[in-house]
C-alpha cells in the first residue's frame, strides 16, 4: 500500500498533482502486488541461527553481497555527490541496495527472537549482534537517502520507483540466500513475473504522465482538442498559389511585387 498511499496523501497534503493516469498507476500497483502475493514462493524453513549462518556463508551469497556493497559504495562516494541532486535513481538505488542487507538482517533477527523466547542462548551467538549492527546501519542509511530524495523530488514519484527497485533487490536476495523459488511451479513463476511487470507498468504511468492535466471531467475535451499540426510552407509556395488563383484567400499572406 506504500505506492498508492504515498501518492494520494502527497496529493492532498502536499499539493502535488495526481492525475487520472497516476491514479490508474496506483491501481495497477495494487493489482500487481496482489498477484505477486498470491503466487509468492513459500518461505524456506530456517529455525536456528546455525542454519542462518550456513546460509550466509554460502559462496553465492557472499559474492552477491560483495557486489552489492561495492555498488553501494560507488553510489555513495562517487555518483551521489555528482548526480544525486538531478537524477532520482541515484538516492533510491542506494536505499534499495542497502535494503538487501536490512531484509536479511530482519530475517535472522526474527529467528533469534524466536530462539530467545524458546530459551536458546541467542545472546551469546555472535551472529545476533552482527545482524543488529547491520540492521541499524542499513536502516539509518536508507532513511538518510530516502529523506534526501523526498526533499528534492516529487513524493508521488519517489515511493513508486523506490518500491520497484526495493522489490527487485528483495526478490533477488531471496532467490540467492533462501532459494525460495526452487519449489515453485511454472504457473507461480509466471504469475509472480506478471505481477511484478504490472507494478512496473503502474509506476511508469505515475512517472511518465505526471505533468498532464488529465481527469475524468476533462478527458473528452482533451481527446477532442487534438488539432492537426500546421504545415509550414515557404514564400515560394505561397507566391505560386497566389499567382495561380484569381483571388487570394483571406487567410493567406498577400505577396506584393514592386517594379521600378
C-alpha atoms as a PDB file:
ATOM      1  CA  UNK A   1       0.000   0.000   0.000  1.00  0.00           C
ATOM      2  CA  UNK A   2       3.015   2.360   0.116  1.00  0.00           C
ATOM      3  CA  UNK A   3       2.671   3.325  -3.560  1.00  0.00           C
ATOM      4  CA  UNK A   4      -0.987   4.454  -3.639  1.00  0.00           C
ATOM      5  CA  UNK A   5      -0.959   5.792  -0.075  1.00  0.00           C
ATOM      6  CA  UNK A   6       2.088   7.987  -0.645  1.00  0.00           C
ATOM      7  CA  UNK A   7       0.751   9.254  -3.969  1.00  0.00           C
ATOM      8  CA  UNK A   8      -2.721  10.030  -2.626  1.00  0.00           C
ATOM      9  CA  UNK A   9      -1.533  11.601   0.636  1.00  0.00           C
ATOM     10  CA  UNK A  10       1.062  13.739  -1.161  1.00  0.00           C
ATOM     11  CA  UNK A  11      -1.680  14.918  -3.493  1.00  0.00           C
ATOM     12  CA  UNK A  12      -3.962  16.042  -0.648  1.00  0.00           C
ATOM     13  CA  UNK A  13      -1.437  17.113   1.995  1.00  0.00           C
ATOM     14  CA  UNK A  14       1.468  18.455  -0.077  1.00  0.00           C
ATOM     15  CA  UNK A  15      -0.462  19.777  -3.056  1.00  0.00           C
ATOM     16  CA  UNK A  16       1.321  17.520  -5.557  1.00  0.00           C
ATOM     17  CA  UNK A  17      -0.592  16.711  -8.720  1.00  0.00           C
ATOM     18  CA  UNK A  18      -2.080  13.247  -9.173  1.00  0.00           C
ATOM     19  CA  UNK A  19      -3.953  12.969 -12.471  1.00  0.00           C
ATOM     20  CA  UNK A  20      -6.133  10.182 -13.840  1.00  0.00           C
ATOM     21  CA  UNK A  21      -3.176   8.224 -15.212  1.00  0.00           C
ATOM     22  CA  UNK A  22      -1.455   8.478 -11.842  1.00  0.00           C
ATOM     23  CA  UNK A  23      -4.500   7.026 -10.112  1.00  0.00           C
ATOM     24  CA  UNK A  24      -4.577   4.248 -12.686  1.00  0.00           C
ATOM     25  CA  UNK A  25      -0.902   3.602 -11.940  1.00  0.00           C
ATOM     26  CA  UNK A  26      -1.692   3.277  -8.232  1.00  0.00           C
ATOM     27  CA  UNK A  27      -4.447   0.790  -9.027  1.00  0.00           C
ATOM     28  CA  UNK A  28      -2.112  -1.262 -11.229  1.00  0.00           C
ATOM     29  CA  UNK A  29       0.471  -1.293  -8.454  1.00  0.00           C
ATOM     30  CA  UNK A  30      -2.103  -2.762  -6.063  1.00  0.00           C
ATOM     31  CA  UNK A  31      -3.217  -5.343  -8.606  1.00  0.00           C
ATOM     32  CA  UNK A  32       0.369  -6.356  -9.370  1.00  0.00           C
ATOM     33  CA  UNK A  33       1.205  -6.640  -5.672  1.00  0.00           C
ATOM     34  CA  UNK A  34      -1.841  -8.832  -5.080  1.00  0.00           C
ATOM     35  CA  UNK A  35      -0.865 -11.142  -7.936  1.00  0.00           C
ATOM     36  CA  UNK A  36       2.671 -11.388  -6.569  1.00  0.00           C
ATOM     37  CA  UNK A  37       1.415 -12.286  -3.094  1.00  0.00           C
ATOM     38  CA  UNK A  38      -0.893 -14.966  -4.479  1.00  0.00           C
ATOM     39  CA  UNK A  39       1.943 -16.626  -6.425  1.00  0.00           C
ATOM     40  CA  UNK A  40       4.760 -15.860  -3.994  1.00  0.00           C
ATOM     41  CA  UNK A  41       7.127 -18.729  -3.062  1.00  0.00           C
ATOM     42  CA  UNK A  42       6.847 -20.305   0.348  1.00  0.00           C
ATOM     43  CA  UNK A  43       9.474 -19.364   2.876  1.00  0.00           C
ATOM     44  CA  UNK A  44      12.172 -21.960   3.401  1.00  0.00           C
ATOM     45  CA  UNK A  45      12.208 -23.321   6.932  1.00  0.00           C
ATOM     46  CA  UNK A  46      15.207 -21.831   8.768  1.00  0.00           C
ATOM     47  CA  UNK A  47      14.711 -22.205  12.503  1.00  0.00           C
ATOM     48  CA  UNK A  48      18.140 -21.717  14.137  1.00  0.00           C
ATOM     49  CA  UNK A  49      20.955 -19.222  13.950  1.00  0.00           C
ATOM     50  CA  UNK A  50      23.310 -22.022  12.928  1.00  0.00           C
ATOM     51  CA  UNK A  51      21.214 -22.676   9.827  1.00  0.00           C
ATOM     52  CA  UNK A  52      21.111 -18.945   9.114  1.00  0.00           C
ATOM     53  CA  UNK A  53      24.890 -18.763   9.480  1.00  0.00           C
ATOM     54  CA  UNK A  54      25.363 -21.571   6.984  1.00  0.00           C
ATOM     55  CA  UNK A  55      23.101 -19.742   4.547  1.00  0.00           C
ATOM     56  CA  UNK A  56      25.073 -16.512   4.906  1.00  0.00           C
ATOM     57  CA  UNK A  57      28.390 -18.323   4.401  1.00  0.00           C
ATOM     58  CA  UNK A  58      27.458 -19.811   1.049  1.00  0.00           C
ATOM     59  CA  UNK A  59      29.806 -18.611  -1.755  1.00  0.00           C
ATOM     60  CA  UNK A  60      26.928 -17.458  -3.947  1.00  0.00           C
ATOM     61  CA  UNK A  61      25.514 -15.145  -1.327  1.00  0.00           C
ATOM     62  CA  UNK A  62      28.953 -13.862  -0.281  1.00  0.00           C
ATOM     63  CA  UNK A  63      29.712 -12.899  -3.894  1.00  0.00           C
ATOM     64  CA  UNK A  64      26.287 -11.301  -4.240  1.00  0.00           C
ATOM     65  CA  UNK A  65      26.726  -9.317  -1.002  1.00  0.00           C
ATOM     66  CA  UNK A  66      30.196  -8.164  -2.087  1.00  0.00           C
ATOM     67  CA  UNK A  67      28.815  -6.893  -5.407  1.00  0.00           C
ATOM     68  CA  UNK A  68      26.006  -5.024  -3.644  1.00  0.00           C
ATOM     69  CA  UNK A  69      28.395  -3.486  -1.144  1.00  0.00           C
ATOM     70  CA  UNK A  70      30.772  -2.323  -3.898  1.00  0.00           C
ATOM     71  CA  UNK A  71      27.853  -0.864  -5.860  1.00  0.00           C
ATOM     72  CA  UNK A  72      26.577   0.921  -2.767  1.00  0.00           C
ATOM     73  CA  UNK A  73      29.982   2.465  -2.025  1.00  0.00           C
ATOM     74  CA  UNK A  74      30.287   3.594  -5.652  1.00  0.00           C
ATOM     75  CA  UNK A  75      26.891   5.251  -5.490  1.00  0.00           C
ATOM     76  CA  UNK A  76      27.513   6.941  -2.143  1.00  0.00           C
ATOM     77  CA  UNK A  77      31.017   8.308  -2.704  1.00  0.00           C
ATOM     78  CA  UNK A  78      31.091   8.926  -6.467  1.00  0.00           C
ATOM     79  CA  UNK A  79      27.670   9.177  -8.110  1.00  0.00           C
ATOM     80  CA  UNK A  80      25.642  10.736  -5.278  1.00  0.00           C
ATOM     81  CA  UNK A  81      27.761  13.927  -4.922  1.00  0.00           C
ATOM     82  CA  UNK A  82      27.689  14.458  -8.704  1.00  0.00           C
ATOM     83  CA  UNK A  83      24.256  13.326  -9.870  1.00  0.00           C
ATOM     84  CA  UNK A  84      22.165  12.885  -6.727  1.00  0.00           C
ATOM     85  CA  UNK A  85      20.560  16.326  -6.983  1.00  0.00           C
ATOM     86  CA  UNK A  86      19.422  15.822 -10.579  1.00  0.00           C
ATOM     87  CA  UNK A  87      18.790  12.092 -11.006  1.00  0.00           C
ATOM     88  CA  UNK A  88      16.082  10.464  -8.905  1.00  0.00           C
ATOM     89  CA  UNK A  89      17.536   6.979  -9.363  1.00  0.00           C
ATOM     90  CA  UNK A  90      20.811   7.649  -7.512  1.00  0.00           C
ATOM     91  CA  UNK A  91      19.483   8.056  -3.970  1.00  0.00           C
ATOM     92  CA  UNK A  92      16.740   5.473  -4.455  1.00  0.00           C
ATOM     93  CA  UNK A  93      19.190   2.886  -5.770  1.00  0.00           C
ATOM     94  CA  UNK A  94      21.284   3.353  -2.635  1.00  0.00           C
ATOM     95  CA  UNK A  95      18.207   2.752  -0.459  1.00  0.00           C
ATOM     96  CA  UNK A  96      17.242  -0.316  -2.479  1.00  0.00           C
ATOM     97  CA  UNK A  97      20.698  -1.894  -2.471  1.00  0.00           C
ATOM     98  CA  UNK A  98      21.022  -1.383   1.269  1.00  0.00           C
ATOM     99  CA  UNK A  99      17.584  -2.959   1.583  1.00  0.00           C
ATOM    100  CA  UNK A 100      19.069  -6.350   0.733  1.00  0.00           C
ATOM    101  CA  UNK A 101      21.121  -6.229   3.949  1.00  0.00           C
ATOM    102  CA  UNK A 102      18.219  -4.968   6.070  1.00  0.00           C
ATOM    103  CA  UNK A 103      15.880  -7.722   4.848  1.00  0.00           C
ATOM    104  CA  UNK A 104      18.469 -10.427   5.544  1.00  0.00           C
ATOM    105  CA  UNK A 105      19.112  -8.950   8.978  1.00  0.00           C
ATOM    106  CA  UNK A 106      15.415  -8.840   9.838  1.00  0.00           C
ATOM    107  CA  UNK A 107      15.072 -12.471   8.795  1.00  0.00           C
ATOM    108  CA  UNK A 108      17.966 -13.514  11.046  1.00  0.00           C
ATOM    109  CA  UNK A 109      16.784 -11.414  13.981  1.00  0.00           C
ATOM    110  CA  UNK A 110      13.329 -12.929  13.708  1.00  0.00           C
ATOM    111  CA  UNK A 111      14.902 -16.338  14.161  1.00  0.00           C
ATOM    112  CA  UNK A 112      16.943 -15.020  17.095  1.00  0.00           C
ATOM    113  CA  UNK A 113      13.846 -13.594  18.830  1.00  0.00           C
ATOM    114  CA  UNK A 114      12.020 -16.895  18.461  1.00  0.00           C
ATOM    115  CA  UNK A 115      15.034 -18.703  19.889  1.00  0.00           C
ATOM    116  CA  UNK A 116      15.262 -16.248  22.792  1.00  0.00           C
ATOM    117  CA  UNK A 117      11.700 -16.935  23.914  1.00  0.00           C
ATOM    118  CA  UNK A 118      12.345 -20.652  23.440  1.00  0.00           C
ATOM    119  CA  UNK A 119      15.201 -20.479  25.943  1.00  0.00           C
ATOM    120  CA  UNK A 120      18.078 -20.739  23.485  1.00  0.00           C
ATOM    121  CA  UNK A 121      21.337 -18.832  24.218  1.00  0.00           C
ATOM    122  CA  UNK A 122      20.965 -16.494  21.255  1.00  0.00           C
ATOM    123  CA  UNK A 123      22.556 -13.520  23.039  1.00  0.00           C
ATOM    124  CA  UNK A 124      25.866 -15.401  23.194  1.00  0.00           C
ATOM    125  CA  UNK A 125      25.782 -16.118  19.474  1.00  0.00           C
ATOM    126  CA  UNK A 126      27.959 -13.622  17.511  1.00  0.00           C
ATOM    127  CA  UNK A 127      25.577 -13.633  14.538  1.00  0.00           C
ATOM    128  CA  UNK A 128      22.889 -11.948  16.633  1.00  0.00           C
ATOM    129  CA  UNK A 129      24.996  -8.855  17.267  1.00  0.00           C
ATOM    130  CA  UNK A 130      26.307  -8.808  13.693  1.00  0.00           C
ATOM    131  CA  UNK A 131      22.718  -8.746  12.451  1.00  0.00           C
ATOM    132  CA  UNK A 132      21.767  -5.998  14.903  1.00  0.00           C
ATOM    133  CA  UNK A 133      24.665  -3.780  13.779  1.00  0.00           C
ATOM    134  CA  UNK A 134      23.932  -4.486  10.115  1.00  0.00           C
ATOM    135  CA  UNK A 135      20.250  -3.698  10.570  1.00  0.00           C
ATOM    136  CA  UNK A 136      20.880  -0.392  12.372  1.00  0.00           C
ATOM    137  CA  UNK A 137      23.465   0.719   9.803  1.00  0.00           C
ATOM    138  CA  UNK A 138      21.315  -0.244   6.817  1.00  0.00           C
ATOM    139  CA  UNK A 139      18.111   1.344   8.131  1.00  0.00           C
ATOM    140  CA  UNK A 140      19.963   4.554   9.050  1.00  0.00           C
ATOM    141  CA  UNK A 141      21.427   4.760   5.549  1.00  0.00           C
ATOM    142  CA  UNK A 142      18.067   4.077   3.939  1.00  0.00           C
ATOM    143  CA  UNK A 143      16.307   6.768   5.966  1.00  0.00           C
ATOM    144  CA  UNK A 144      19.060   9.278   5.246  1.00  0.00           C
ATOM    145  CA  UNK A 145      18.998   8.923   1.457  1.00  0.00           C
ATOM    146  CA  UNK A 146      15.249   8.463   1.255  1.00  0.00           C
ATOM    147  CA  UNK A 147      14.771  11.780   3.054  1.00  0.00           C
ATOM    148  CA  UNK A 148      17.270  13.420   0.693  1.00  0.00           C
ATOM    149  CA  UNK A 149      15.288  12.127  -2.248  1.00  0.00           C
ATOM    150  CA  UNK A 150      11.999  13.337  -0.775  1.00  0.00           C
ATOM    151  CA  UNK A 151      13.477  16.806  -0.226  1.00  0.00           C
ATOM    152  CA  UNK A 152      14.304  17.135  -3.921  1.00  0.00           C
ATOM    153  CA  UNK A 153      11.812  15.088  -5.917  1.00  0.00           C
ATOM    154  CA  UNK A 154       8.068  14.592  -6.013  1.00  0.00           C
ATOM    155  CA  UNK A 155       6.754  12.266  -3.308  1.00  0.00           C
ATOM    156  CA  UNK A 156       4.351  10.524  -5.695  1.00  0.00           C
ATOM    157  CA  UNK A 157       7.377   9.574  -7.828  1.00  0.00           C
ATOM    158  CA  UNK A 158       9.843   8.664  -5.088  1.00  0.00           C
ATOM    159  CA  UNK A 159       7.833   5.913  -3.419  1.00  0.00           C
ATOM    160  CA  UNK A 160       6.726   4.045  -6.581  1.00  0.00           C
ATOM    161  CA  UNK A 161      10.251   3.976  -8.040  1.00  0.00           C
ATOM    162  CA  UNK A 162      11.697   3.032  -4.670  1.00  0.00           C
ATOM    163  CA  UNK A 163       9.111   0.265  -4.362  1.00  0.00           C
ATOM    164  CA  UNK A 164      10.083  -1.267  -7.722  1.00  0.00           C
ATOM    165  CA  UNK A 165      13.824  -1.096  -7.048  1.00  0.00           C
ATOM    166  CA  UNK A 166      13.492  -2.380  -3.495  1.00  0.00           C
ATOM    167  CA  UNK A 167      11.214  -5.248  -4.542  1.00  0.00           C
ATOM    168  CA  UNK A 168      13.653  -6.272  -7.274  1.00  0.00           C
ATOM    169  CA  UNK A 169      16.525  -6.412  -4.805  1.00  0.00           C
ATOM    170  CA  UNK A 170      14.475  -8.321  -2.220  1.00  0.00           C
ATOM    171  CA  UNK A 171      13.345 -10.932  -4.759  1.00  0.00           C
ATOM    172  CA  UNK A 172      16.913 -11.402  -5.975  1.00  0.00           C
ATOM    173  CA  UNK A 173      18.181 -11.723  -2.404  1.00  0.00           C
ATOM    174  CA  UNK A 174      15.546 -14.325  -1.570  1.00  0.00           C
ATOM    175  CA  UNK A 175      16.459 -16.346  -4.641  1.00  0.00           C
ATOM    176  CA  UNK A 176      20.157 -16.370  -3.771  1.00  0.00           C
ATOM    177  CA  UNK A 177      20.002 -16.644   0.022  1.00  0.00           C
ATOM    178  CA  UNK A 178      16.964 -18.794   0.764  1.00  0.00           C
ATOM    179  CA  UNK A 179      16.414 -20.423  -2.658  1.00  0.00           C
ATOM    180  CA  UNK A 180      12.679 -19.919  -2.229  1.00  0.00           C
ATOM    181  CA  UNK A 181      11.965 -20.330  -5.937  1.00  0.00           C
ATOM    182  CA  UNK A 182      13.248 -23.884  -6.173  1.00  0.00           C
ATOM    183  CA  UNK A 183       9.898 -25.445  -5.227  1.00  0.00           C
ATOM    184  CA  UNK A 184       7.743 -23.065  -7.294  1.00  0.00           C
ATOM    185  CA  UNK A 185       5.635 -24.315 -10.180  1.00  0.00           C
ATOM    186  CA  UNK A 186       5.702 -22.783 -13.649  1.00  0.00           C
ATOM    187  CA  UNK A 187       2.316 -21.141 -13.051  1.00  0.00           C
ATOM    188  CA  UNK A 188       3.541 -19.454  -9.874  1.00  0.00           C
ATOM    189  CA  UNK A 189       6.711 -18.230 -11.584  1.00  0.00           C
ATOM    190  CA  UNK A 190       4.721 -16.749 -14.480  1.00  0.00           C
ATOM    191  CA  UNK A 191       2.208 -15.203 -12.072  1.00  0.00           C
ATOM    192  CA  UNK A 192       4.948 -13.612  -9.962  1.00  0.00           C
ATOM    193  CA  UNK A 193       6.716 -12.183 -13.008  1.00  0.00           C
ATOM    194  CA  UNK A 194       3.445 -10.852 -14.481  1.00  0.00           C
ATOM    195  CA  UNK A 195       2.535  -9.259 -11.159  1.00  0.00           C
ATOM    196  CA  UNK A 196       5.895  -7.542 -10.972  1.00  0.00           C
ATOM    197  CA  UNK A 197       5.605  -6.297 -14.571  1.00  0.00           C
ATOM    198  CA  UNK A 198       2.161  -4.919 -13.718  1.00  0.00           C
ATOM    199  CA  UNK A 199       3.710  -2.963 -10.844  1.00  0.00           C
ATOM    200  CA  UNK A 200       6.352  -1.569 -13.200  1.00  0.00           C
ATOM    201  CA  UNK A 201       3.628  -0.504 -15.655  1.00  0.00           C
ATOM    202  CA  UNK A 202       1.775   1.274 -12.869  1.00  0.00           C
ATOM    203  CA  UNK A 203       4.921   3.104 -11.794  1.00  0.00           C
ATOM    204  CA  UNK A 204       5.560   4.088 -15.418  1.00  0.00           C
ATOM    205  CA  UNK A 205       2.116   5.668 -15.647  1.00  0.00           C
ATOM    206  CA  UNK A 206       2.802   7.586 -12.443  1.00  0.00           C
ATOM    207  CA  UNK A 207       6.135   8.893 -13.678  1.00  0.00           C
ATOM    208  CA  UNK A 208       5.776   9.405 -17.428  1.00  0.00           C
ATOM    209  CA  UNK A 209       2.476  11.326 -17.462  1.00  0.00           C
ATOM    210  CA  UNK A 210       2.675  13.186 -14.154  1.00  0.00           C
ATOM    211  CA  UNK A 211       2.563  16.646 -15.802  1.00  0.00           C
ATOM    212  CA  UNK A 212      -0.537  16.017 -17.933  1.00  0.00           C
ATOM    213  CA  UNK A 213      -3.778  17.608 -16.782  1.00  0.00           C
ATOM    214  CA  UNK A 214      -5.999  14.558 -17.310  1.00  0.00           C
ATOM    215  CA  UNK A 215      -9.096  13.762 -15.251  1.00  0.00           C
ATOM    216  CA  UNK A 216     -12.482  12.128 -15.787  1.00  0.00           C
ATOM    217  CA  UNK A 217     -14.053  15.552 -16.156  1.00  0.00           C
ATOM    218  CA  UNK A 218     -11.824  16.902 -18.920  1.00  0.00           C
ATOM    219  CA  UNK A 219     -10.926  13.615 -20.617  1.00  0.00           C
ATOM    220  CA  UNK A 220     -13.440  14.002 -23.514  1.00  0.00           C
ATOM    221  CA  UNK A 221     -12.328  17.594 -24.004  1.00  0.00           C
ATOM    222  CA  UNK A 222      -8.658  16.605 -24.049  1.00  0.00           C
ATOM    223  CA  UNK A 223      -9.341  13.966 -26.687  1.00  0.00           C
ATOM    224  CA  UNK A 224     -11.413  16.350 -28.853  1.00  0.00           C
ATOM    225  CA  UNK A 225      -8.991  19.276 -28.700  1.00  0.00           C
ATOM    226  CA  UNK A 226      -6.276  17.498 -30.637  1.00  0.00           C
ATOM    227  CA  UNK A 227      -5.529  19.808 -33.563  1.00  0.00           C
ATOM    228  CA  UNK A 228      -3.633  18.750 -36.686  1.00  0.00           C
ATOM    229  CA  UNK A 229      -0.121  20.053 -36.893  1.00  0.00           C
ATOM    230  CA  UNK A 230       0.003  23.013 -39.336  1.00  0.00           C
ATOM    231  CA  UNK A 231       2.192  22.605 -42.389  1.00  0.00           C
ATOM    232  CA  UNK A 232       4.782  25.334 -42.729  1.00  0.00           C
ATOM    233  CA  UNK A 233       5.336  26.486 -46.317  1.00  0.00           C
ATOM    234  CA  UNK A 234       7.871  28.900 -47.649  1.00  0.00           C
ATOM    235  CA  UNK A 235       7.147  32.098 -49.594  1.00  0.00           C
ATOM    236  CA  UNK A 236       7.779  30.410 -52.909  1.00  0.00           C
ATOM    237  CA  UNK A 237       4.866  28.018 -52.483  1.00  0.00           C
ATOM    238  CA  UNK A 238       2.606  30.847 -51.327  1.00  0.00           C
ATOM    239  CA  UNK A 239       3.605  33.008 -54.276  1.00  0.00           C
ATOM    240  CA  UNK A 240       2.845  30.232 -56.734  1.00  0.00           C
ATOM    241  CA  UNK A 241      -0.564  29.654 -55.199  1.00  0.00           C
ATOM    242  CA  UNK A 242      -1.400  33.366 -55.303  1.00  0.00           C
ATOM    243  CA  UNK A 243      -0.276  33.692 -58.910  1.00  0.00           C
ATOM    244  CA  UNK A 244      -2.319  30.668 -59.970  1.00  0.00           C
ATOM    245  CA  UNK A 245      -5.515  31.914 -58.352  1.00  0.00           C
ATOM    246  CA  UNK A 246      -7.533  34.892 -59.363  1.00  0.00           C
ATOM    247  CA  UNK A 247      -8.454  35.811 -55.810  1.00  0.00           C
ATOM    248  CA  UNK A 248      -6.151  35.244 -52.887  1.00  0.00           C
ATOM    249  CA  UNK A 249      -7.831  33.709 -49.818  1.00  0.00           C
ATOM    250  CA  UNK A 250      -8.101  35.977 -46.843  1.00  0.00           C
ATOM    251  CA  UNK A 251      -6.257  33.623 -44.501  1.00  0.00           C
ATOM    252  CA  UNK A 252      -3.117  33.554 -46.656  1.00  0.00           C
ATOM    253  CA  UNK A 253      -0.475  36.293 -46.677  1.00  0.00           C
ATOM    254  CA  UNK A 254      -0.591  38.538 -49.761  1.00  0.00           C
ATOM    255  CA  UNK A 255       2.545  38.984 -51.837  1.00  0.00           C
ATOM    256  CA  UNK A 256       3.168  42.397 -53.465  1.00  0.00           C
ATOM    257  CA  UNK A 257       5.643  42.747 -56.317  1.00  0.00           C
ATOM    258  CA  UNK A 258       7.149  46.191 -56.967  1.00  0.00           C
ATOM    259  CA  UNK A 259       8.529  47.114 -60.398  1.00  0.00           C
ATOM    260  CA  UNK A 260      10.811  50.094 -60.986  1.00  0.00           C
END
